[in-house]
Protein backbone atom coordinates (compact mmCIF):
# COMPACT_ATOMS: atom_id res chain seq x y z
CA UNK A 1 90.84 72.16 201.49
CA UNK A 2 89.40 69.30 199.40
CA UNK A 3 85.66 68.78 199.12
CA UNK A 4 84.09 66.29 201.53
CA UNK A 5 82.77 63.08 200.03
CA UNK A 6 79.52 61.33 200.63
CA UNK A 7 80.07 57.63 201.31
CA UNK A 8 76.79 55.94 200.41
CA UNK A 9 76.48 52.12 200.53
CA UNK A 10 75.85 50.46 197.19
CA UNK A 11 77.55 52.96 194.93
CA UNK A 12 79.99 51.87 192.23
CA UNK A 13 83.27 53.75 191.67
CA UNK A 14 86.41 53.73 189.60
CA UNK A 15 89.34 54.28 191.92
CA UNK A 16 92.59 55.77 190.61
CA UNK A 17 95.73 56.39 192.56
CA UNK A 18 99.20 57.19 191.24
CA UNK A 19 102.65 56.74 192.64
CA UNK A 20 104.73 59.53 194.12
CA UNK A 21 106.36 61.75 191.43
CA UNK A 22 104.85 59.43 188.77
CA UNK A 23 107.68 56.96 189.41
CA UNK A 24 107.41 53.39 188.21
CA UNK A 25 106.95 51.89 191.67
CA UNK A 26 104.33 49.55 190.21
CA UNK A 27 106.51 48.41 187.31
CA UNK A 28 105.42 44.84 186.55
CA UNK A 29 107.36 41.88 187.86
CA UNK A 30 106.32 38.62 189.41
CA UNK A 31 106.55 39.77 193.04
CA UNK A 32 104.87 43.13 192.45
CA UNK A 33 102.02 41.57 190.49
CA UNK A 34 101.45 38.93 193.17
CA UNK A 35 101.52 41.48 195.98
CA UNK A 36 99.07 43.81 194.20
CA UNK A 37 96.52 41.02 193.77
CA UNK A 38 97.10 39.75 197.28
CA UNK A 39 96.68 43.14 199.01
CA UNK A 40 93.63 44.04 196.90
CA UNK A 41 91.95 40.72 197.61
CA UNK A 42 92.70 40.86 201.38
CA UNK A 43 91.38 44.40 201.67
CA UNK A 44 88.26 43.66 199.61
CA UNK A 45 87.45 40.68 201.81
CA UNK A 46 88.14 42.54 205.01
CA UNK A 47 85.77 45.41 204.16
CA UNK A 48 83.29 43.47 202.00
CA UNK A 49 83.96 45.52 198.88
CA UNK A 50 83.22 43.87 195.53
CA UNK A 51 85.88 44.38 192.86
CA UNK A 52 84.58 44.77 189.28
CA UNK A 53 87.90 45.26 187.45
CA UNK A 54 91.47 46.27 188.06
CA UNK A 55 94.62 47.19 186.13
CA UNK A 56 98.02 48.09 187.54
CA UNK A 57 100.08 50.31 185.29
CA UNK A 58 103.73 51.09 186.07
CA UNK A 59 102.90 54.21 188.11
CA UNK A 60 99.18 54.09 188.89
CA UNK A 61 96.23 51.76 189.11
CA UNK A 62 92.57 51.88 188.10
CA UNK A 63 90.18 49.68 190.06
CA UNK A 64 86.40 49.41 189.81
CA UNK A 65 84.53 48.57 193.01
CA UNK A 66 81.06 48.34 194.49
CA UNK A 67 81.03 49.79 198.00
CA UNK A 68 78.47 47.42 199.46
CA UNK A 69 78.37 48.65 203.06
CA UNK A 70 79.88 52.14 202.89
CA UNK A 71 83.40 50.96 203.89
CA UNK A 72 85.24 52.49 200.95
CA UNK A 73 87.52 54.86 202.93
CA UNK A 74 88.64 52.03 205.23
CA UNK A 75 89.13 49.71 202.28
CA UNK A 76 91.25 52.23 200.41
CA UNK A 77 93.36 53.02 203.42
CA UNK A 78 94.06 49.37 204.17
CA UNK A 79 94.75 48.34 200.57
CA UNK A 80 97.01 51.25 199.75
CA UNK A 81 98.87 51.11 203.05
CA UNK A 82 99.42 47.33 202.88
CA UNK A 83 100.65 47.40 199.30
CA UNK A 84 102.85 50.48 199.81
CA UNK A 85 104.56 48.87 202.80
CA UNK A 86 105.24 45.73 200.83
CA UNK A 87 106.67 47.61 197.87
CA UNK A 88 108.83 49.82 200.06
CA UNK A 89 110.20 46.72 201.79
CA UNK A 90 110.78 45.06 198.42
CA UNK A 91 112.63 48.08 197.03
CA UNK A 92 114.42 49.09 200.22
CA UNK A 93 112.62 52.43 200.40
CA UNK A 94 111.31 54.48 203.32
CA UNK A 95 109.71 57.50 201.71
CA UNK A 96 106.13 58.03 200.46
CA UNK A 97 104.96 55.49 197.93
CA UNK A 98 101.76 57.20 196.76
CA UNK A 99 101.28 60.73 195.51
CA UNK A 100 99.93 63.06 198.24
CA UNK A 101 96.72 64.11 196.50
CA UNK A 102 93.38 62.56 197.39
CA UNK A 103 92.57 59.25 195.73
CA UNK A 104 90.33 59.76 192.73
CA UNK A 105 86.88 58.24 193.27
CA UNK A 106 84.58 58.58 190.29
CA UNK A 107 81.03 57.40 190.85
CA UNK A 108 79.74 55.27 187.98
CA UNK A 109 76.01 55.96 187.85
CA UNK A 110 74.71 53.51 185.28
CA UNK A 111 75.74 50.21 183.67
CA UNK A 112 77.01 51.94 180.52
CA UNK A 113 79.24 54.08 182.68
CA UNK A 114 80.72 51.01 184.34
CA UNK A 115 81.37 49.44 180.95
CA UNK A 116 82.95 52.65 179.59
CA UNK A 117 85.36 52.85 182.52
CA UNK A 118 86.14 49.13 182.34
CA UNK A 119 87.18 49.50 178.71
CA UNK A 120 89.08 52.74 179.49
CA UNK A 121 91.01 51.12 182.35
CA UNK A 122 91.69 47.70 180.87
CA UNK A 123 92.94 49.11 177.54
CA UNK A 124 95.18 51.67 179.24
CA UNK A 125 98.39 49.82 178.31
CA UNK A 126 97.28 49.76 174.65
CA UNK A 127 96.15 53.37 174.43
CA UNK A 128 99.42 54.50 175.99
CA UNK A 129 101.22 52.50 173.27
CA UNK A 130 103.04 50.30 175.71
CA UNK A 131 101.77 47.06 174.13
CA UNK A 132 99.67 46.26 171.05
CA UNK A 133 97.21 43.95 172.79
CA UNK A 134 95.80 44.01 176.32
CA UNK A 135 96.91 40.43 176.96
CA UNK A 136 100.52 41.44 176.19
CA UNK A 137 100.62 43.66 179.27
CA UNK A 138 102.98 42.01 181.82
CA UNK A 139 101.32 43.63 184.81
CA UNK A 140 98.03 43.00 186.57
CA UNK A 141 95.07 43.30 184.24
CA UNK A 142 91.73 41.62 184.99
CA UNK A 143 90.44 41.45 181.41
CA UNK A 144 91.07 37.74 180.92
CA UNK A 145 89.68 36.86 184.39
CA UNK A 146 86.53 38.96 183.77
CA UNK A 147 85.96 37.43 180.32
CA UNK A 148 86.33 33.88 181.66
CA UNK A 149 84.57 34.67 184.95
CA UNK A 150 87.56 33.32 186.84
CA UNK A 151 89.47 34.73 189.85
CA UNK A 152 93.02 36.02 189.99
CA UNK A 153 95.07 34.17 192.57
CA UNK A 154 97.96 35.20 194.75
CA UNK A 155 100.07 33.84 197.58
CA UNK A 156 101.22 35.65 200.71
CA UNK A 157 104.37 37.62 199.71
CA UNK A 158 107.60 36.64 201.38
CA UNK A 159 108.63 40.28 201.71
CA UNK A 160 107.11 42.32 204.58
CA UNK A 161 104.54 39.65 205.62
CA UNK A 162 105.61 37.28 208.39
CA UNK A 163 105.71 33.61 207.48
CA UNK A 164 104.09 32.76 210.84
CA UNK A 165 101.62 35.67 210.75
CA UNK A 166 97.84 35.51 210.64
CA UNK A 167 97.51 36.75 207.03
CA UNK A 168 96.11 34.09 204.64
CA UNK A 169 98.65 31.97 202.77
CA UNK A 170 96.74 32.35 199.51
CA UNK A 171 93.80 34.38 198.22
CA UNK A 172 91.41 34.57 195.30
CA UNK A 173 90.30 37.88 193.81
CA UNK A 174 86.90 37.40 192.18
CA UNK A 175 85.28 39.95 189.92
CA UNK A 176 81.71 41.07 190.43
CA UNK A 177 79.28 41.87 187.63
CA UNK A 178 76.77 44.48 188.88
CA UNK A 179 73.17 44.04 187.71
CA UNK A 180 73.30 47.43 186.02
CA UNK A 181 76.32 46.26 183.98
CA UNK A 182 74.51 43.08 182.95
CA UNK A 183 71.51 45.14 181.88
CA UNK A 184 73.76 47.35 179.72
CA UNK A 185 75.12 44.24 177.96
CA UNK A 186 72.10 42.34 176.50
CA UNK A 187 74.37 39.91 174.63
CA UNK A 188 76.42 39.23 177.76
CA UNK A 189 79.12 41.17 179.62
CA UNK A 190 81.98 39.09 178.25
CA UNK A 191 80.81 39.41 174.65
CA UNK A 192 80.31 43.18 174.76
CA UNK A 193 83.50 43.82 176.71
CA UNK A 194 85.59 41.70 174.34
CA UNK A 195 84.19 43.59 171.34
CA UNK A 196 84.78 47.02 172.92
CA UNK A 197 88.36 46.07 173.85
CA UNK A 198 89.06 44.81 170.32
CA UNK A 199 87.78 48.13 168.92
CA UNK A 200 90.09 50.08 171.25
CA UNK A 201 93.05 47.94 170.18
CA UNK A 202 92.24 48.57 166.52
CA UNK A 203 91.95 52.34 167.09
CA UNK A 204 95.32 52.44 168.86
CA UNK A 205 96.91 50.41 166.04
CA UNK A 206 95.45 52.77 163.44
CA UNK A 207 96.81 55.75 165.34
CA UNK A 208 100.30 54.25 165.31
CA UNK A 209 100.05 53.58 161.59
CA UNK A 210 99.02 57.18 160.89
CA UNK A 211 101.62 58.77 163.17
CA UNK A 212 104.48 56.32 162.77
CA UNK A 213 104.51 55.83 166.54
CA UNK A 214 105.81 52.53 167.89
CA UNK A 215 105.17 50.59 171.07
CA UNK A 216 107.44 50.15 174.05
CA UNK A 217 106.75 46.41 174.08
CA UNK A 218 106.54 43.86 176.90
CA UNK A 219 110.33 43.55 177.22
CA UNK A 220 110.75 47.31 177.25
CA UNK A 221 108.23 47.69 180.08
CA UNK A 222 109.89 44.96 182.14
CA UNK A 223 113.31 46.54 181.64
CA UNK A 224 112.27 49.98 182.89
CA UNK A 225 113.96 51.12 186.06
CA UNK A 226 111.37 51.40 188.85
CA UNK A 227 113.07 54.63 190.02
CA UNK A 228 112.33 56.36 186.72
CA UNK A 229 109.22 58.28 185.66
CA UNK A 230 107.64 59.14 182.29
CA UNK A 231 109.41 61.75 180.16
CA UNK A 232 106.12 63.32 179.20
CA UNK A 233 104.97 66.48 180.95
CA UNK A 234 102.21 65.95 183.49
CA UNK A 235 99.04 68.06 182.96
CA UNK A 236 98.42 70.40 185.92
CA UNK A 237 95.31 71.87 187.53
CA UNK A 238 92.91 69.63 185.69
CA UNK A 239 89.33 68.96 186.77
CA UNK A 240 88.82 66.15 189.29
CA UNK A 241 85.52 64.58 188.25
CA UNK A 242 83.46 62.78 190.88
CA UNK A 243 80.69 61.47 188.65
CA UNK A 244 80.71 59.66 185.26
CA UNK A 245 77.37 59.32 183.50
CA UNK A 246 76.45 59.24 179.81
CA UNK A 247 72.83 60.15 180.50
CA UNK A 248 72.72 63.94 180.79
CA UNK A 249 69.79 64.12 183.18
CA UNK A 250 71.06 61.36 185.42
CA UNK A 251 74.45 63.11 185.51
CA UNK A 252 72.87 66.46 186.41
CA UNK A 253 70.79 64.72 189.07
CA UNK A 254 73.88 63.08 190.60
CA UNK A 255 75.87 66.32 190.56
CA UNK A 256 73.01 68.28 192.19
CA UNK A 257 72.64 65.57 194.81
CA UNK A 258 76.35 65.86 195.60
CA UNK A 259 76.15 69.66 195.84
CA UNK A 260 73.22 69.50 198.25
CA UNK A 261 75.13 66.98 200.37
CA UNK A 262 78.23 69.16 200.50
CA UNK A 263 76.16 72.21 201.48
CA UNK A 264 74.44 70.28 204.29
CA UNK A 265 77.75 68.86 205.46
CA UNK A 266 79.35 72.32 205.64
CA UNK A 267 76.47 73.76 207.66
CA UNK A 268 76.67 70.83 210.13
CA UNK A 269 80.44 71.08 210.33
CA UNK A 270 80.32 74.82 211.11
CA UNK A 271 77.79 74.13 213.86
CA UNK A 272 79.92 71.32 215.30
CA UNK A 273 83.10 73.47 215.25
CA UNK A 274 81.12 76.21 217.02
CA UNK A 275 80.36 73.79 219.83
CA UNK A 276 76.95 72.47 218.83
CA UNK A 277 77.50 68.77 219.53
CA UNK A 278 73.99 67.91 218.38
CA UNK A 279 74.72 69.16 214.86
CA UNK A 280 72.99 66.85 212.33
CA UNK A 281 75.32 65.67 209.54
CA UNK A 282 73.87 64.30 206.28
CA UNK A 283 74.02 60.55 205.75
CA UNK A 284 77.35 59.50 204.30
């Protein structure tokens, strides 16, 4: 049984979810990219979640969000269900789209932690040696939109969604800059982010020079069969972190707070299962 999660309004998270069997169900193409942006924007608007960044790889996505009102579970369920239904309709599939494990939700405690995960996520295509530069990635990647402080736009997909339905014909996905992130970037979020991304690109390039490794390239990514999966072996039984924080004491504080919450939740749950309907659950 997985650990319960405290859903506290105002927290910032990096969300990660991968496709079933690591298959390339998110492989970039015009319709997939449009649908991903559309579904994410619709879900964020419906549940008043602020999106900080997002990147869609071929078989998983990383998305940073601020859970303003404690609606994260509903937001995730709606977004993932809506997009999965579209993709299955697009591909003529009926089986599970997402992997069965729980969606990864890593709490980002401070501004530096948000910045770290932004760089990690947005440079994912480069570090995996799929492309040499982030802007070469043919899939959804919010780097350019974040740097320019502009939204990503999408239209209602023709597949799955009814032409005469009540879903919006077009949407804008705007990217939020939390105050803690601004504080962590004295010279400006765009300036610091651009510099950190450039460093990551240089490091990946240096690694390829030293190892003789090449890149798949934009055309290679687009030509991949969406039914396929990576040839690399997937790591098993790894840790599933719930908190990311550079500051040791703030990290310890957050972890201890989570442990106390889980302990209180379990006591209340045991009482409730035993028939005590007045059992007091912790907030969240």
